[in-house]
PDB file of N, CA and C in Angstrom:
ATOM      1  N   UNK A   1       3.009   7.397  -4.272  1.00  0.00           N
ATOM      2  CA  UNK A   1       2.428   8.471  -3.508  1.00  0.00           C
ATOM      3  C   UNK A   1       1.663   7.955  -2.303  1.00  0.00           C
ATOM      4  N   UNK A   2       0.900   6.914  -2.533  1.00  0.00           N
ATOM      5  CA  UNK A   2       0.100   6.348  -1.451  1.00  0.00           C
ATOM      6  C   UNK A   2       1.002   5.818  -0.326  1.00  0.00           C
ATOM      7  N   UNK A   3       2.056   5.112  -0.688  1.00  0.00           N
ATOM      8  CA  UNK A   3       2.997   4.567   0.309  1.00  0.00           C
ATOM      9  C   UNK A   3       3.680   5.680   1.064  1.00  0.00           C
ATOM     10  N   UNK A   4       4.042   6.740   0.384  1.00  0.00           N
ATOM     11  CA  UNK A   4       4.657   7.885   1.062  1.00  0.00           C
ATOM     12  C   UNK A   4       3.712   8.499   2.061  1.00  0.00           C
ATOM     13  N   UNK A   5       2.460   8.692   1.647  1.00  0.00           N
ATOM     14  CA  UNK A   5       1.449   9.255   2.581  1.00  0.00           C
ATOM     15  C   UNK A   5       1.215   8.351   3.771  1.00  0.00           C
ATOM     16  N   UNK A   6       1.164   7.034   3.524  1.00  0.00           N
ATOM     17  CA  UNK A   6       0.934   6.074   4.611  1.00  0.00           C
ATOM     18  C   UNK A   6       2.099   6.014   5.598  1.00  0.00           C
ATOM     19  N   UNK A   7       3.292   6.461   5.162  1.00  0.00           N
ATOM     20  CA  UNK A   7       4.479   6.429   6.024  1.00  0.00           C
ATOM     21  C   UNK A   7       4.854   7.796   6.550  1.00  0.00           C
ATOM     22  N   UNK A   8       3.855   8.633   6.772  1.00  0.00           N
ATOM     23  CA  UNK A   8       4.085   9.916   7.401  1.00  0.00           C
ATOM     24  C   UNK A   8       4.783  10.951   6.521  1.00  0.00           C
ATOM     25  N   UNK A   9       4.698  10.777   5.203  1.00  0.00           N
ATOM     26  CA  UNK A   9       5.252  11.797   4.303  1.00  0.00           C
ATOM     27  C   UNK A   9       6.618  11.453   3.724  1.00  0.00           C
ATOM     28  N   UNK A  10       7.152  10.284   4.104  1.00  0.00           N
ATOM     29  CA  UNK A  10       8.448   9.906   3.543  1.00  0.00           C
ATOM     30  C   UNK A  10       8.725   8.439   3.744  1.00  0.00           C
ATOM     31  N   UNK A  11       9.569   7.910   2.894  1.00  0.00           N
ATOM     32  CA  UNK A  11      10.028   6.530   3.007  1.00  0.00           C
ATOM     33  C   UNK A  11      11.551   6.554   2.978  1.00  0.00           C
ATOM     34  N   UNK A  12      12.179   5.973   3.992  1.00  0.00           N
ATOM     35  CA  UNK A  12      13.627   5.876   4.031  1.00  0.00           C
ATOM     36  C   UNK A  12      14.024   4.408   4.159  1.00  0.00           C
ATOM     37  N   UNK A  13      15.066   4.049   3.395  1.00  0.00           N
ATOM     38  CA  UNK A  13      15.572   2.668   3.491  1.00  0.00           C
ATOM     39  C   UNK A  13      17.012   2.655   2.996  1.00  0.00           C
ATOM     40  N   UNK A  14      17.696   1.575   3.240  1.00  0.00           N
ATOM     41  CA  UNK A  14      19.092   1.451   2.783  1.00  0.00           C
ATOM     42  C   UNK A  14      19.299   0.085   2.173  1.00  0.00           C
ATOM     43  N   UNK A  15      20.386  -0.014   1.429  1.00  0.00           N
ATOM     44  CA  UNK A  15      20.731  -1.256   0.753  1.00  0.00           C
ATOM     45  C   UNK A  15      22.237  -1.459   0.834  1.00  0.00           C
ATOM     46  N   UNK A  16      22.651  -2.678   1.126  1.00  0.00           N
ATOM     47  CA  UNK A  16      24.077  -3.003   1.092  1.00  0.00           C
ATOM     48  C   UNK A  16      24.360  -3.716  -0.227  1.00  0.00           C
ATOM     49  N   UNK A  17      25.410  -3.253  -0.926  1.00  0.00           N
ATOM     50  CA  UNK A  17      25.723  -3.780  -2.235  1.00  0.00           C
ATOM     51  C   UNK A  17      26.708  -4.953  -2.123  1.00  0.00           C
ATOM     52  N   UNK A  18      26.754  -5.814  -3.154  1.00  0.00           N
ATOM     53  CA  UNK A  18      27.696  -6.938  -3.153  1.00  0.00           C
ATOM     54  C   UNK A  18      29.139  -6.498  -3.094  1.00  0.00           C
ATOM     55  N   UNK A  19      30.022  -7.379  -2.679  1.00  0.00           N
ATOM     56  CA  UNK A  19      31.421  -7.106  -2.465  1.00  0.00           C
ATOM     57  C   UNK A  19      32.110  -6.437  -3.666  1.00  0.00           C
ATOM     58  N   UNK A  20      31.813  -6.819  -4.874  1.00  0.00           N
ATOM     59  CA  UNK A  20      32.491  -6.297  -6.073  1.00  0.00           C
ATOM     60  C   UNK A  20      32.061  -4.877  -6.438  1.00  0.00           C
ATOM     61  N   UNK A  21      31.033  -4.335  -5.852  1.00  0.00           N
ATOM     62  CA  UNK A  21      30.530  -3.012  -6.202  1.00  0.00           C
ATOM     63  C   UNK A  21      31.434  -1.942  -5.567  1.00  0.00           C
ATOM     64  N   UNK A  22      31.643  -0.835  -6.277  1.00  0.00           N
ATOM     65  CA  UNK A  22      32.470   0.272  -5.738  1.00  0.00           C
ATOM     66  C   UNK A  22      31.794   0.950  -4.568  1.00  0.00           C
ATOM     67  N   UNK A  23      30.450   0.818  -4.491  1.00  0.00           N
ATOM     68  CA  UNK A  23      29.696   1.397  -3.369  1.00  0.00           C
ATOM     69  C   UNK A  23      29.375   0.298  -2.359  1.00  0.00           C
ATOM     70  N   UNK A  24      29.442   0.668  -1.100  1.00  0.00           N
ATOM     71  CA  UNK A  24      29.086  -0.289  -0.050  1.00  0.00           C
ATOM     72  C   UNK A  24      27.606  -0.199   0.317  1.00  0.00           C
ATOM     73  N   UNK A  25      27.118   1.055   0.425  1.00  0.00           N
ATOM     74  CA  UNK A  25      25.728   1.249   0.830  1.00  0.00           C
ATOM     75  C   UNK A  25      25.047   2.274  -0.076  1.00  0.00           C
ATOM     76  N   UNK A  26      23.733   2.103  -0.224  1.00  0.00           N
ATOM     77  CA  UNK A  26      22.867   3.103  -0.830  1.00  0.00           C
ATOM     78  C   UNK A  26      21.832   3.493   0.185  1.00  0.00           C
ATOM     79  N   UNK A  27      21.693   4.778   0.469  1.00  0.00           N
ATOM     80  CA  UNK A  27      20.698   5.305   1.372  1.00  0.00           C
ATOM     81  C   UNK A  27      19.654   6.055   0.552  1.00  0.00           C
ATOM     82  N   UNK A  28      18.397   5.740   0.752  1.00  0.00           N
ATOM     83  CA  UNK A  28      17.335   6.254  -0.080  1.00  0.00           C
ATOM     84  C   UNK A  28      16.288   6.979   0.727  1.00  0.00           C
ATOM     85  N   UNK A  29      15.764   8.053   0.154  1.00  0.00           N
ATOM     86  CA  UNK A  29      14.701   8.817   0.789  1.00  0.00           C
ATOM     87  C   UNK A  29      13.709   9.261  -0.287  1.00  0.00           C
ATOM     88  N   UNK A  30      12.459   8.903  -0.129  1.00  0.00           N
ATOM     89  CA  UNK A  30      11.374   9.327  -1.015  1.00  0.00           C
ATOM     90  C   UNK A  30      10.433  10.223  -0.224  1.00  0.00           C
ATOM     91  N   UNK A  31      10.095  11.382  -0.770  1.00  0.00           N
ATOM     92  CA  UNK A  31       9.160  12.284  -0.124  1.00  0.00           C
ATOM     93  C   UNK A  31       8.411  13.045  -1.186  1.00  0.00           C
ATOM     94  N   UNK A  32       7.515  13.914  -0.761  1.00  0.00           N
ATOM     95  CA  UNK A  32       6.736  14.745  -1.675  1.00  0.00           C
ATOM     96  C   UNK A  32       7.067  16.200  -1.368  1.00  0.00           C
ATOM     97  N   UNK A  33       7.406  16.993  -2.424  1.00  0.00           N
ATOM     98  CA  UNK A  33       7.740  18.423  -2.196  1.00  0.00           C
ATOM     99  C   UNK A  33       6.477  19.255  -2.165  1.00  0.00           C
ATOM    100  N   UNK A  34       6.626  20.563  -1.993  1.00  0.00           N
ATOM    101  CA  UNK A  34       5.486  21.471  -1.867  1.00  0.00           C
ATOM    102  C   UNK A  34       4.651  21.570  -3.129  1.00  0.00           C
ATOM    103  N   UNK A  35       5.208  21.183  -4.269  1.00  0.00           N
ATOM    104  CA  UNK A  35       4.461  21.205  -5.518  1.00  0.00           C
ATOM    105  C   UNK A  35       3.788  19.889  -5.872  1.00  0.00           C
ATOM    106  N   UNK A  36       3.904  18.894  -4.939  1.00  0.00           N
ATOM    107  CA  UNK A  36       3.263  17.600  -5.198  1.00  0.00           C
ATOM    108  C   UNK A  36       4.107  16.640  -6.017  1.00  0.00           C
ATOM    109  N   UNK A  37       5.357  16.944  -6.229  1.00  0.00           N
ATOM    110  CA  UNK A  37       6.266  16.073  -6.958  1.00  0.00           C
ATOM    111  C   UNK A  37       6.894  15.046  -6.018  1.00  0.00           C
ATOM    112  N   UNK A  38       7.197  13.880  -6.510  1.00  0.00           N
ATOM    113  CA  UNK A  38       7.922  12.892  -5.716  1.00  0.00           C
ATOM    114  C   UNK A  38       9.414  13.220  -5.861  1.00  0.00           C
ATOM    115  N   UNK A  39      10.100  13.330  -4.716  1.00  0.00           N
ATOM    116  CA  UNK A  39      11.529  13.591  -4.709  1.00  0.00           C
ATOM    117  C   UNK A  39      12.226  12.305  -4.265  1.00  0.00           C
ATOM    118  N   UNK A  40      13.078  11.796  -5.125  1.00  0.00           N
ATOM    119  CA  UNK A  40      13.796  10.546  -4.887  1.00  0.00           C
ATOM    120  C   UNK A  40      15.272  10.880  -4.691  1.00  0.00           C
ATOM    121  N   UNK A  41      15.714  10.902  -3.418  1.00  0.00           N
ATOM    122  CA  UNK A  41      17.113  11.181  -3.086  1.00  0.00           C
ATOM    123  C   UNK A  41      17.847   9.894  -2.862  1.00  0.00           C
ATOM    124  N   UNK A  42      19.060   9.799  -3.458  1.00  0.00           N
ATOM    125  CA  UNK A  42      19.879   8.584  -3.275  1.00  0.00           C
ATOM    126  C   UNK A  42      21.276   9.040  -2.883  1.00  0.00           C
ATOM    127  N   UNK A  43      21.795   8.474  -1.809  1.00  0.00           N
ATOM    128  CA  UNK A  43      23.150   8.751  -1.378  1.00  0.00           C
ATOM    129  C   UNK A  43      23.937   7.428  -1.401  1.00  0.00           C
ATOM    130  N   UNK A  44      25.038   7.403  -2.116  1.00  0.00           N
ATOM    131  CA  UNK A  44      25.846   6.219  -2.237  1.00  0.00           C
ATOM    132  C   UNK A  44      27.170   6.411  -1.502  1.00  0.00           C
ATOM    133  N   UNK A  45      27.501   5.481  -0.620  1.00  0.00           N
ATOM    134  CA  UNK A  45      28.732   5.535   0.154  1.00  0.00           C
ATOM    135  C   UNK A  45      29.733   4.577  -0.470  1.00  0.00           C
ATOM    136  N   UNK A  46      30.901   5.095  -0.827  1.00  0.00           N
ATOM    137  CA  UNK A  46      31.933   4.259  -1.459  1.00  0.00           C
ATOM    138  C   UNK A  46      32.454   3.223  -0.503  1.00  0.00           C
ATOM    139  N   UNK A  47      32.903   2.110  -1.038  1.00  0.00           N
ATOM    140  CA  UNK A  47      33.395   0.991  -0.243  1.00  0.00           C
ATOM    141  C   UNK A  47      34.702   1.281   0.447  1.00  0.00           C
ATOM    142  N   UNK A  48      35.694   1.826  -0.228  1.00  0.00           N
ATOM    143  CA  UNK A  48      37.054   1.942   0.308  1.00  0.00           C
ATOM    144  C   UNK A  48      37.477   3.387   0.579  1.00  0.00           C
ATOM    145  N   UNK A  49      36.543   4.280   0.764  1.00  0.00           N
ATOM    146  CA  UNK A  49      36.899   5.673   1.065  1.00  0.00           C
ATOM    147  C   UNK A  49      35.707   6.330   1.754  1.00  0.00           C
ATOM    148  N   UNK A  50      35.863   7.590   2.087  1.00  0.00           N
ATOM    149  CA  UNK A  50      34.780   8.337   2.723  1.00  0.00           C
ATOM    150  C   UNK A  50      33.982   9.123   1.675  1.00  0.00           C
ATOM    151  N   UNK A  51      34.278   8.891   0.385  1.00  0.00           N
ATOM    152  CA  UNK A  51      33.582   9.592  -0.686  1.00  0.00           C
ATOM    153  C   UNK A  51      32.104   9.178  -0.773  1.00  0.00           C
ATOM    154  N   UNK A  52      31.312  10.165  -1.188  1.00  0.00           N
ATOM    155  CA  UNK A  52      29.886   9.915  -1.348  1.00  0.00           C
ATOM    156  C   UNK A  52      29.445  10.452  -2.689  1.00  0.00           C
ATOM    157  N   UNK A  53      28.471   9.836  -3.288  1.00  0.00           N
ATOM    158  CA  UNK A  53      27.827  10.327  -4.522  1.00  0.00           C
ATOM    159  C   UNK A  53      26.342  10.482  -4.216  1.00  0.00           C
ATOM    160  N   UNK A  54      25.752  11.596  -4.688  1.00  0.00           N
ATOM    161  CA  UNK A  54      24.364  11.825  -4.414  1.00  0.00           C
ATOM    162  C   UNK A  54      23.637  12.023  -5.750  1.00  0.00           C
ATOM    163  N   UNK A  55      22.406  11.577  -5.752  1.00  0.00           N
ATOM    164  CA  UNK A  55      21.557  11.669  -6.941  1.00  0.00           C
ATOM    165  C   UNK A  55      20.184  12.090  -6.501  1.00  0.00           C
ATOM    166  N   UNK A  56      19.587  13.043  -7.168  1.00  0.00           N
ATOM    167  CA  UNK A  56      18.212  13.465  -6.880  1.00  0.00           C
ATOM    168  C   UNK A  56      17.402  13.437  -8.166  1.00  0.00           C
ATOM    169  N   UNK A  57      16.230  12.819  -8.082  1.00  0.00           N
ATOM    170  CA  UNK A  57      15.328  12.744  -9.201  1.00  0.00           C
ATOM    171  C   UNK A  57      13.974  13.286  -8.729  1.00  0.00           C
ATOM    172  N   UNK A  58      13.450  14.267  -9.423  1.00  0.00           N
ATOM    173  CA  UNK A  58      12.145  14.829  -9.068  1.00  0.00           C
ATOM    174  C   UNK A  58      11.163  14.340 -10.120  1.00  0.00           C
ATOM    175  N   UNK A  59      10.111  13.699  -9.664  1.00  0.00           N
ATOM    176  CA  UNK A  59       9.155  13.050 -10.563  1.00  0.00           C
ATOM    177  C   UNK A  59       7.794  13.763 -10.452  1.00  0.00           C
ATOM    178  N   UNK A  60       7.351  14.266 -11.576  1.00  0.00           N
ATOM    179  CA  UNK A  60       6.035  14.916 -11.608  1.00  0.00           C
ATOM    180  C   UNK A  60       5.022  14.003 -12.300  1.00  0.00           C
ATOM    181  N   UNK A  61       3.893  13.863 -11.668  1.00  0.00           N
ATOM    182  CA  UNK A  61       2.823  13.051 -12.273  1.00  0.00           C
ATOM    183  C   UNK A  61       1.870  13.935 -13.044  1.00  0.00           C
ATOM    184  N   UNK A  62       1.408  13.434 -14.167  1.00  0.00           N
ATOM    185  CA  UNK A  62       0.467  14.151 -14.987  1.00  0.00           C
ATOM    186  C   UNK A  62      -0.763  13.291 -15.254  1.00  0.00           C
ATOM    187  N   UNK A  63      -1.927  13.929 -15.397  1.00  0.00           N
ATOM    188  CA  UNK A  63      -3.082  13.189 -15.852  1.00  0.00           C
ATOM    189  C   UNK A  63      -2.884  12.920 -17.343  1.00  0.00           C
ATOM    190  N   UNK A  64      -3.642  11.999 -17.880  1.00  0.00           N
ATOM    191  CA  UNK A  64      -3.509  11.666 -19.298  1.00  0.00           C
ATOM    192  C   UNK A  64      -3.834  12.913 -20.150  1.00  0.00           C
ATOM    193  N   UNK A  65      -4.839  13.648 -19.781  1.00  0.00           N
ATOM    194  CA  UNK A  65      -5.213  14.863 -20.520  1.00  0.00           C
ATOM    195  C   UNK A  65      -4.097  15.892 -20.461  1.00  0.00           C
ATOM    196  N   UNK A  66      -3.533  16.127 -19.290  1.00  0.00           N
ATOM    197  CA  UNK A  66      -2.480  17.109 -19.137  1.00  0.00           C
ATOM    198  C   UNK A  66      -1.232  16.789 -19.949  1.00  0.00           C
ATOM    199  N   UNK A  67      -0.780  15.537 -19.892  1.00  0.00           N
ATOM    200  CA  UNK A  67       0.450  15.170 -20.614  1.00  0.00           C
ATOM    201  C   UNK A  67       0.220  15.241 -22.107  1.00  0.00           C
ATOM    202  N   UNK A  68      -0.959  14.860 -22.548  1.00  0.00           N
ATOM    203  CA  UNK A  68      -1.273  14.922 -23.967  1.00  0.00           C
ATOM    204  C   UNK A  68      -1.254  16.385 -24.436  1.00  0.00           C
ATOM    205  N   UNK A  69      -1.875  17.297 -23.687  1.00  0.00           N
ATOM    206  CA  UNK A  69      -1.880  18.691 -24.046  1.00  0.00           C
ATOM    207  C   UNK A  69      -0.486  19.300 -24.066  1.00  0.00           C
ATOM    208  N   UNK A  70       0.342  18.965 -23.098  1.00  0.00           N
ATOM    209  CA  UNK A  70       1.703  19.499 -23.040  1.00  0.00           C
ATOM    210  C   UNK A  70       2.523  19.030 -24.224  1.00  0.00           C
ATOM    211  N   UNK A  71       2.481  17.733 -24.504  1.00  0.00           N
ATOM    212  CA  UNK A  71       3.264  17.175 -25.609  1.00  0.00           C
ATOM    213  C   UNK A  71       2.799  17.748 -26.961  1.00  0.00           C
ATOM    214  N   UNK A  72       1.499  17.895 -27.141  1.00  0.00           N
ATOM    215  CA  UNK A  72       0.972  18.435 -28.403  1.00  0.00           C
ATOM    216  C   UNK A  72       1.379  19.888 -28.599  1.00  0.00           C
ATOM    217  N   UNK A  73       1.524  20.642 -27.499  1.00  0.00           N
ATOM    218  CA  UNK A  73       1.987  22.019 -27.587  1.00  0.00           C
ATOM    219  C   UNK A  73       3.383  22.113 -28.209  1.00  0.00           C
ATOM    220  N   UNK A  74       4.164  21.079 -28.030  1.00  0.00           N
ATOM    221  CA  UNK A  74       5.520  21.038 -28.543  1.00  0.00           C
ATOM    222  C   UNK A  74       5.654  20.218 -29.833  1.00  0.00           C
ATOM    223  N   UNK A  75       4.529  20.058 -30.519  1.00  0.00           N
ATOM    224  CA  UNK A  75       4.538  19.408 -31.825  1.00  0.00           C
ATOM    225  C   UNK A  75       4.694  17.892 -31.798  1.00  0.00           C
ATOM    226  N   UNK A  76       4.287  17.287 -30.672  1.00  0.00           N
ATOM    227  CA  UNK A  76       4.404  15.852 -30.577  1.00  0.00           C
ATOM    228  C   UNK A  76       3.048  15.182 -30.826  1.00  0.00           C
ATOM    229  N   UNK A  77       3.110  14.072 -31.504  1.00  0.00           N
ATOM    230  CA  UNK A  77       1.918  13.231 -31.656  1.00  0.00           C
ATOM    231  C   UNK A  77       1.919  12.277 -30.479  1.00  0.00           C
ATOM    232  N   UNK A  78       0.803  12.177 -29.775  1.00  0.00           N
ATOM    233  CA  UNK A  78       0.772  11.440 -28.519  1.00  0.00           C
ATOM    234  C   UNK A  78      -0.305  10.358 -28.507  1.00  0.00           C
ATOM    235  N   UNK A  79       0.097   9.161 -28.080  1.00  0.00           N
ATOM    236  CA  UNK A  79      -0.856   8.067 -27.914  1.00  0.00           C
ATOM    237  C   UNK A  79      -0.704   7.549 -26.503  1.00  0.00           C
ATOM    238  N   UNK A  80      -1.790   7.230 -25.877  1.00  0.00           N
ATOM    239  CA  UNK A  80      -1.779   6.755 -24.500  1.00  0.00           C
ATOM    240  C   UNK A  80      -2.360   5.334 -24.452  1.00  0.00           C
ATOM    241  N   UNK A  81      -1.626   4.474 -23.793  1.00  0.00           N
ATOM    242  CA  UNK A  81      -2.007   3.049 -23.702  1.00  0.00           C
ATOM    243  C   UNK A  81      -2.143   2.647 -22.242  1.00  0.00           C
ATOM    244  N   UNK A  82      -3.038   1.710 -21.946  1.00  0.00           N
ATOM    245  CA  UNK A  82      -3.125   1.192 -20.594  1.00  0.00           C
ATOM    246  C   UNK A  82      -1.821   0.543 -20.206  1.00  0.00           C
ATOM    247  N   UNK A  83      -1.465   0.671 -18.934  1.00  0.00           N
ATOM    248  CA  UNK A  83      -0.244   0.054 -18.422  1.00  0.00           C
ATOM    249  C   UNK A  83      -0.478  -1.446 -18.306  1.00  0.00           C
ATOM    250  N   UNK A  84       0.520  -2.248 -18.736  1.00  0.00           N
ATOM    251  CA  UNK A  84       0.414  -3.685 -18.558  1.00  0.00           C
ATOM    252  C   UNK A  84       1.778  -4.273 -18.421  1.00  0.00           C
ATOM    253  N   UNK A  85       1.942  -5.018 -17.344  1.00  0.00           N
ATOM    254  CA  UNK A  85       3.179  -5.790 -17.100  1.00  0.00           C
ATOM    255  C   UNK A  85       2.759  -6.989 -16.300  1.00  0.00           C
ATOM    256  N   UNK A  86       2.738  -8.146 -16.909  1.00  0.00           N
ATOM    257  CA  UNK A  86       2.215  -9.349 -16.271  1.00  0.00           C
ATOM    258  C   UNK A  86       2.994  -9.726 -15.030  1.00  0.00           C
ATOM    259  N   UNK A  87       4.243  -9.277 -14.876  1.00  0.00           N
ATOM    260  CA  UNK A  87       5.060  -9.603 -13.690  1.00  0.00           C
ATOM    261  C   UNK A  87       5.014  -8.514 -12.629  1.00  0.00           C
ATOM    262  N   UNK A  88       4.280  -7.441 -12.883  1.00  0.00           N
ATOM    263  CA  UNK A  88       4.220  -6.330 -11.934  1.00  0.00           C
ATOM    264  C   UNK A  88       3.481  -6.766 -10.667  1.00  0.00           C
ATOM    265  N   UNK A  89       4.011  -6.369  -9.533  1.00  0.00           N
ATOM    266  CA  UNK A  89       3.398  -6.701  -8.241  1.00  0.00           C
ATOM    267  C   UNK A  89       2.431  -5.626  -7.781  1.00  0.00           C
ATOM    268  N   UNK A  90       2.216  -4.595  -8.569  1.00  0.00           N
ATOM    269  CA  UNK A  90       1.298  -3.522  -8.191  1.00  0.00           C
ATOM    270  C   UNK A  90      -0.115  -4.082  -8.084  1.00  0.00           C
ATOM    271  N   UNK A  91      -0.845  -3.772  -7.002  1.00  0.00           N
ATOM    272  CA  UNK A  91      -2.223  -4.257  -6.881  1.00  0.00           C
ATOM    273  C   UNK A  91      -3.067  -3.812  -8.078  1.00  0.00           C
ATOM    274  N   UNK A  92      -4.015  -4.624  -8.479  1.00  0.00           N
ATOM    275  CA  UNK A  92      -4.835  -4.395  -9.648  1.00  0.00           C
ATOM    276  C   UNK A  92      -5.533  -3.017  -9.584  1.00  0.00           C
ATOM    277  N   UNK A  93      -6.060  -2.628  -8.411  1.00  0.00           N
ATOM    278  CA  UNK A  93      -6.780  -1.365  -8.320  1.00  0.00           C
ATOM    279  C   UNK A  93      -5.824  -0.165  -8.541  1.00  0.00           C
ATOM    280  N   UNK A  94      -4.554  -0.302  -8.211  1.00  0.00           N
ATOM    281  CA  UNK A  94      -3.560   0.745  -8.470  1.00  0.00           C
ATOM    282  C   UNK A  94      -3.099   0.713  -9.935  1.00  0.00           C
ATOM    283  N   UNK A  95      -2.965  -0.490 -10.498  1.00  0.00           N
ATOM    284  CA  UNK A  95      -2.470  -0.645 -11.842  1.00  0.00           C
ATOM    285  C   UNK A  95      -3.413   0.022 -12.847  1.00  0.00           C
ATOM    286  N   UNK A  96      -4.708   0.048 -12.552  1.00  0.00           N
ATOM    287  CA  UNK A  96      -5.667   0.665 -13.468  1.00  0.00           C
ATOM    288  C   UNK A  96      -5.425   2.154 -13.629  1.00  0.00           C
ATOM    289  N   UNK A  97      -4.747   2.776 -12.660  1.00  0.00           N
ATOM    290  CA  UNK A  97      -4.458   4.204 -12.733  1.00  0.00           C
ATOM    291  C   UNK A  97      -3.214   4.508 -13.533  1.00  0.00           C
ATOM    292  N   UNK A  98      -2.446   3.488 -13.914  1.00  0.00           N
ATOM    293  CA  UNK A  98      -1.188   3.678 -14.604  1.00  0.00           C
ATOM    294  C   UNK A  98      -1.396   3.598 -16.117  1.00  0.00           C
ATOM    295  N   UNK A  99      -0.546   4.301 -16.852  1.00  0.00           N
ATOM    296  CA  UNK A  99      -0.601   4.259 -18.295  1.00  0.00           C
ATOM    297  C   UNK A  99       0.752   4.558 -18.863  1.00  0.00           C
ATOM    298  N   UNK A 100       0.911   4.246 -20.132  1.00  0.00           N
ATOM    299  CA  UNK A 100       2.168   4.496 -20.833  1.00  0.00           C
ATOM    300  C   UNK A 100       1.868   5.526 -21.958  1.00  0.00           C
ATOM    301  N   UNK A 101       2.798   6.423 -22.154  1.00  0.00           N
ATOM    302  CA  UNK A 101       2.656   7.449 -23.186  1.00  0.00           C
ATOM    303  C   UNK A 101       3.711   7.214 -24.258  1.00  0.00           C
ATOM    304  N   UNK A 102       3.243   7.207 -25.488  1.00  0.00           N
ATOM    305  CA  UNK A 102       4.148   7.127 -26.644  1.00  0.00           C
ATOM    306  C   UNK A 102       4.013   8.435 -27.386  1.00  0.00           C
ATOM    307  N   UNK A 103       5.130   9.160 -27.497  1.00  0.00           N
ATOM    308  CA  UNK A 103       5.069  10.450 -28.195  1.00  0.00           C
ATOM    309  C   UNK A 103       6.165  10.477 -29.246  1.00  0.00           C
ATOM    310  N   UNK A 104       5.820  11.066 -30.375  1.00  0.00           N
ATOM    311  CA  UNK A 104       6.859  11.220 -31.404  1.00  0.00           C
ATOM    312  C   UNK A 104       6.644  12.570 -32.068  1.00  0.00           C
ATOM    313  N   UNK A 105       7.733  13.100 -32.546  1.00  0.00           N
ATOM    314  CA  UNK A 105       7.697  14.403 -33.172  1.00  0.00           C
ATOM    315  C   UNK A 105       6.982  14.328 -34.507  1.00  0.00           C
ATOM    316  N   UNK A 106       5.985  15.189 -34.669  1.00  0.00           N
ATOM    317  CA  UNK A 106       5.251  15.212 -35.934  1.00  0.00           C
ATOM    318  C   UNK A 106       6.187  15.766 -37.003  1.00  0.00           C
ATOM    319  N   UNK A 107       6.003  15.298 -38.215  1.00  0.00           N
ATOM    320  CA  UNK A 107       6.852  15.788 -39.320  1.00  0.00           C
ATOM    321  C   UNK A 107       6.461  17.231 -39.629  1.00  0.00           C
ATOM    322  N   UNK A 108       7.468  18.014 -39.806  1.00  0.00           N
ATOM    323  CA  UNK A 108       7.263  19.444 -40.112  1.00  0.00           C
ATOM    324  C   UNK A 108       7.099  19.646 -41.609  1.00  0.00           C
ATOM    325  N   UNK A 109       6.258  20.590 -41.981  1.00  0.00           N
ATOM    326  CA  UNK A 109       6.066  20.945 -43.409  1.00  0.00           C
ATOM    327  C   UNK A 109       7.105  21.920 -43.877  1.00  0.00           C
ATOM    328  N   UNK A 110       7.940  22.396 -42.954  1.00  0.00           N
ATOM    329  CA  UNK A 110       8.979  23.349 -43.355  1.00  0.00           C
ATOM    330  C   UNK A 110      10.083  22.653 -44.118  1.00  0.00           C
ATOM    331  N   UNK A 111      10.620  23.344 -45.152  1.00  0.00           N
ATOM    332  CA  UNK A 111      11.692  22.744 -45.975  1.00  0.00           C
ATOM    333  C   UNK A 111      13.044  23.020 -45.369  1.00  0.00           C
TER     334      UNK A 111
END
């Protein structure tokens, strides 16, 4: 989110794939929609034709309290752990804001 804001509301970049890949290029666009969700658009251009494949992923961020409440409403047991990845390049001040959620369906008493 911070990088998107710092880049005027969107990040665009492209990638060229290795020779053996069916796609030659990937074109990427990250932006924020009116609801505050991250929209990740990916357009893949095929190597030997004019065909294109598109993929859109909309990512919603939740506070720890919000995600716990939502999951518990649906009968999930929820545990929240600090995010940790020793190889992550995310700056320490940003990493402290990240967390992992483990949720599992509570056993039902119904027969």
